[in-house]
Amino acid sequence: LTPKSHARIDYVFNYASNIQFLEYSFNPNSTTNRAIIKEIIEDMHTLMDAGFL
């Protein structure tokens, strides 16, 4: 991978590992984020089935 690709990957993982983002996104009391979480989980299953995760 190129340095630019590595930088993009680092950006995504750094953002996704931010505690405030995780607490907001996965708050079990929030109904606002359920559609987003469902979509993320479906996408992760697709990636796992394809052997990328």
N, C-alpha and C. Protein backbone atom coordinates (compact mmCIF):
# COMPACT_ATOMS: atom_id res chain seq x y z
N LEU A 1 0.83 -1.19 0.00
CA LEU A 1 0.00 0.00 0.00
C LEU A 1 0.87 1.25 0.00
N THR A 2 0.34 2.28 -0.57
CA THR A 2 1.07 3.54 -0.63
C THR A 2 0.97 4.26 0.71
N PRO A 3 1.86 5.21 0.95
CA PRO A 3 1.75 6.00 2.18
C PRO A 3 0.39 6.71 2.30
N LYS A 4 -0.16 7.15 1.17
CA LYS A 4 -1.46 7.81 1.20
C LYS A 4 -2.55 6.83 1.66
N SER A 5 -2.49 5.59 1.19
CA SER A 5 -3.46 4.57 1.61
C SER A 5 -3.31 4.27 3.10
N HIS A 6 -2.08 4.18 3.56
CA HIS A 6 -1.85 3.96 4.99
C HIS A 6 -2.42 5.11 5.82
N ALA A 7 -2.25 6.32 5.34
CA ALA A 7 -2.79 7.49 6.06
C ALA A 7 -4.31 7.43 6.12
N ARG A 8 -4.94 7.01 5.05
CA ARG A 8 -6.40 6.90 5.04
C ARG A 8 -6.87 5.83 6.03
N ILE A 9 -6.19 4.70 6.02
CA ILE A 9 -6.54 3.61 6.95
C ILE A 9 -6.37 4.08 8.38
N ASP A 10 -5.25 4.74 8.67
CA ASP A 10 -5.01 5.26 10.02
C ASP A 10 -6.11 6.23 10.43
N TYR A 11 -6.54 7.08 9.51
CA TYR A 11 -7.59 8.05 9.81
C TYR A 11 -8.88 7.34 10.20
N VAL A 12 -9.27 6.35 9.42
CA VAL A 12 -10.51 5.62 9.70
C VAL A 12 -10.43 4.92 11.05
N PHE A 13 -9.35 4.21 11.31
CA PHE A 13 -9.23 3.48 12.57
C PHE A 13 -9.11 4.43 13.77
N ASN A 14 -8.42 5.53 13.61
CA ASN A 14 -8.33 6.50 14.70
C ASN A 14 -9.69 7.11 15.00
N TYR A 15 -10.45 7.40 13.97
CA TYR A 15 -11.79 7.97 14.16
C TYR A 15 -12.71 6.95 14.80
N ALA A 16 -12.68 5.72 14.30
CA ALA A 16 -13.58 4.68 14.80
C ALA A 16 -13.21 4.23 16.21
N SER A 17 -12.00 4.48 16.65
CA SER A 17 -11.60 4.06 17.99
C SER A 17 -11.76 5.19 19.01
N ASN A 18 -12.27 6.33 18.59
CA ASN A 18 -12.52 7.46 19.48
C ASN A 18 -13.63 7.09 20.46
N ILE A 19 -13.38 7.20 21.74
CA ILE A 19 -14.33 6.76 22.77
C ILE A 19 -15.65 7.52 22.70
N GLN A 20 -15.62 8.81 22.42
CA GLN A 20 -16.87 9.57 22.31
C GLN A 20 -17.70 9.09 21.14
N PHE A 21 -17.06 8.80 20.02
CA PHE A 21 -17.76 8.27 18.85
C PHE A 21 -18.39 6.92 19.17
N LEU A 22 -17.64 6.05 19.83
CA LEU A 22 -18.16 4.72 20.17
C LEU A 22 -19.32 4.80 21.15
N GLU A 23 -19.18 5.63 22.17
CA GLU A 23 -20.26 5.77 23.15
C GLU A 23 -21.52 6.32 22.50
N TYR A 24 -21.37 7.29 21.64
CA TYR A 24 -22.52 7.87 20.95
C TYR A 24 -23.15 6.85 19.99
N SER A 25 -22.32 6.18 19.22
CA SER A 25 -22.82 5.26 18.20
C SER A 25 -23.48 4.03 18.78
N PHE A 26 -22.92 3.50 19.85
CA PHE A 26 -23.40 2.23 20.39
C PHE A 26 -24.17 2.38 21.69
N ASN A 27 -24.72 3.56 21.93
CA ASN A 27 -25.53 3.80 23.12
C ASN A 27 -26.80 2.94 23.03
N PRO A 28 -26.97 1.99 23.97
CA PRO A 28 -28.14 1.10 23.89
C PRO A 28 -29.46 1.81 24.15
N ASN A 29 -29.42 3.00 24.72
CA ASN A 29 -30.64 3.76 25.00
C ASN A 29 -31.06 4.67 23.85
N SER A 30 -30.25 4.75 22.81
CA SER A 30 -30.54 5.63 21.69
C SER A 30 -31.25 4.87 20.57
N THR A 31 -32.33 5.43 20.11
CA THR A 31 -33.03 4.83 18.97
C THR A 31 -32.60 5.49 17.66
N THR A 32 -31.95 6.63 17.76
CA THR A 32 -31.51 7.38 16.58
C THR A 32 -30.49 6.61 15.76
N ASN A 33 -29.59 5.92 16.43
CA ASN A 33 -28.46 5.28 15.75
C ASN A 33 -28.73 3.84 15.32
N ARG A 34 -29.86 3.29 15.63
CA ARG A 34 -30.10 1.87 15.33
C ARG A 34 -29.96 1.55 13.85
N ALA A 35 -30.45 2.40 12.97
CA ALA A 35 -30.35 2.15 11.53
C ALA A 35 -28.89 2.16 11.09
N ILE A 36 -28.11 3.09 11.65
CA ILE A 36 -26.70 3.18 11.31
C ILE A 36 -25.96 1.93 11.78
N ILE A 37 -26.22 1.51 13.01
CA ILE A 37 -25.56 0.32 13.57
C ILE A 37 -25.93 -0.91 12.75
N LYS A 38 -27.19 -1.03 12.38
CA LYS A 38 -27.64 -2.17 11.57
C LYS A 38 -26.88 -2.20 10.24
N GLU A 39 -26.71 -1.05 9.63
CA GLU A 39 -25.99 -0.97 8.36
C GLU A 39 -24.52 -1.33 8.53
N ILE A 40 -23.90 -0.86 9.60
CA ILE A 40 -22.49 -1.19 9.87
C ILE A 40 -22.33 -2.69 10.06
N ILE A 41 -23.22 -3.29 10.82
CA ILE A 41 -23.13 -4.73 11.08
C ILE A 41 -23.33 -5.52 9.80
N GLU A 42 -24.30 -5.12 8.98
CA GLU A 42 -24.52 -5.81 7.70
C GLU A 42 -23.29 -5.71 6.80
N ASP A 43 -22.68 -4.52 6.76
CA ASP A 43 -21.48 -4.33 5.95
C ASP A 43 -20.32 -5.17 6.47
N MET A 44 -20.19 -5.26 7.79
CA MET A 44 -19.12 -6.08 8.37
C MET A 44 -19.34 -7.56 8.06
N HIS A 45 -20.58 -8.02 8.10
CA HIS A 45 -20.88 -9.41 7.73
C HIS A 45 -20.52 -9.66 6.27
N THR A 46 -20.82 -8.71 5.41
CA THR A 46 -20.47 -8.85 3.99
C THR A 46 -18.97 -8.96 3.82
N LEU A 47 -18.21 -8.12 4.52
CA LEU A 47 -16.75 -8.17 4.44
C LEU A 47 -16.21 -9.48 5.00
N MET A 48 -16.81 -9.97 6.08
CA MET A 48 -16.36 -11.23 6.67
C MET A 48 -16.66 -12.39 5.72
N ASP A 49 -17.85 -12.40 5.12
CA ASP A 49 -18.22 -13.46 4.18
C ASP A 49 -17.31 -13.47 2.96
N ALA A 50 -16.84 -12.30 2.56
CA ALA A 50 -15.95 -12.19 1.41
C ALA A 50 -14.49 -12.47 1.77
N GLY A 51 -14.22 -12.65 3.07
CA GLY A 51 -12.87 -12.96 3.51
C GLY A 51 -11.97 -11.76 3.73
N PHE A 52 -12.56 -10.57 3.77
CA PHE A 52 -11.75 -9.37 3.98
C PHE A 52 -11.53 -9.06 5.46
N LEU A 53 -12.37 -9.60 6.34
CA LEU A 53 -12.21 -9.39 7.78
C LEU A 53 -12.05 -10.72 8.46
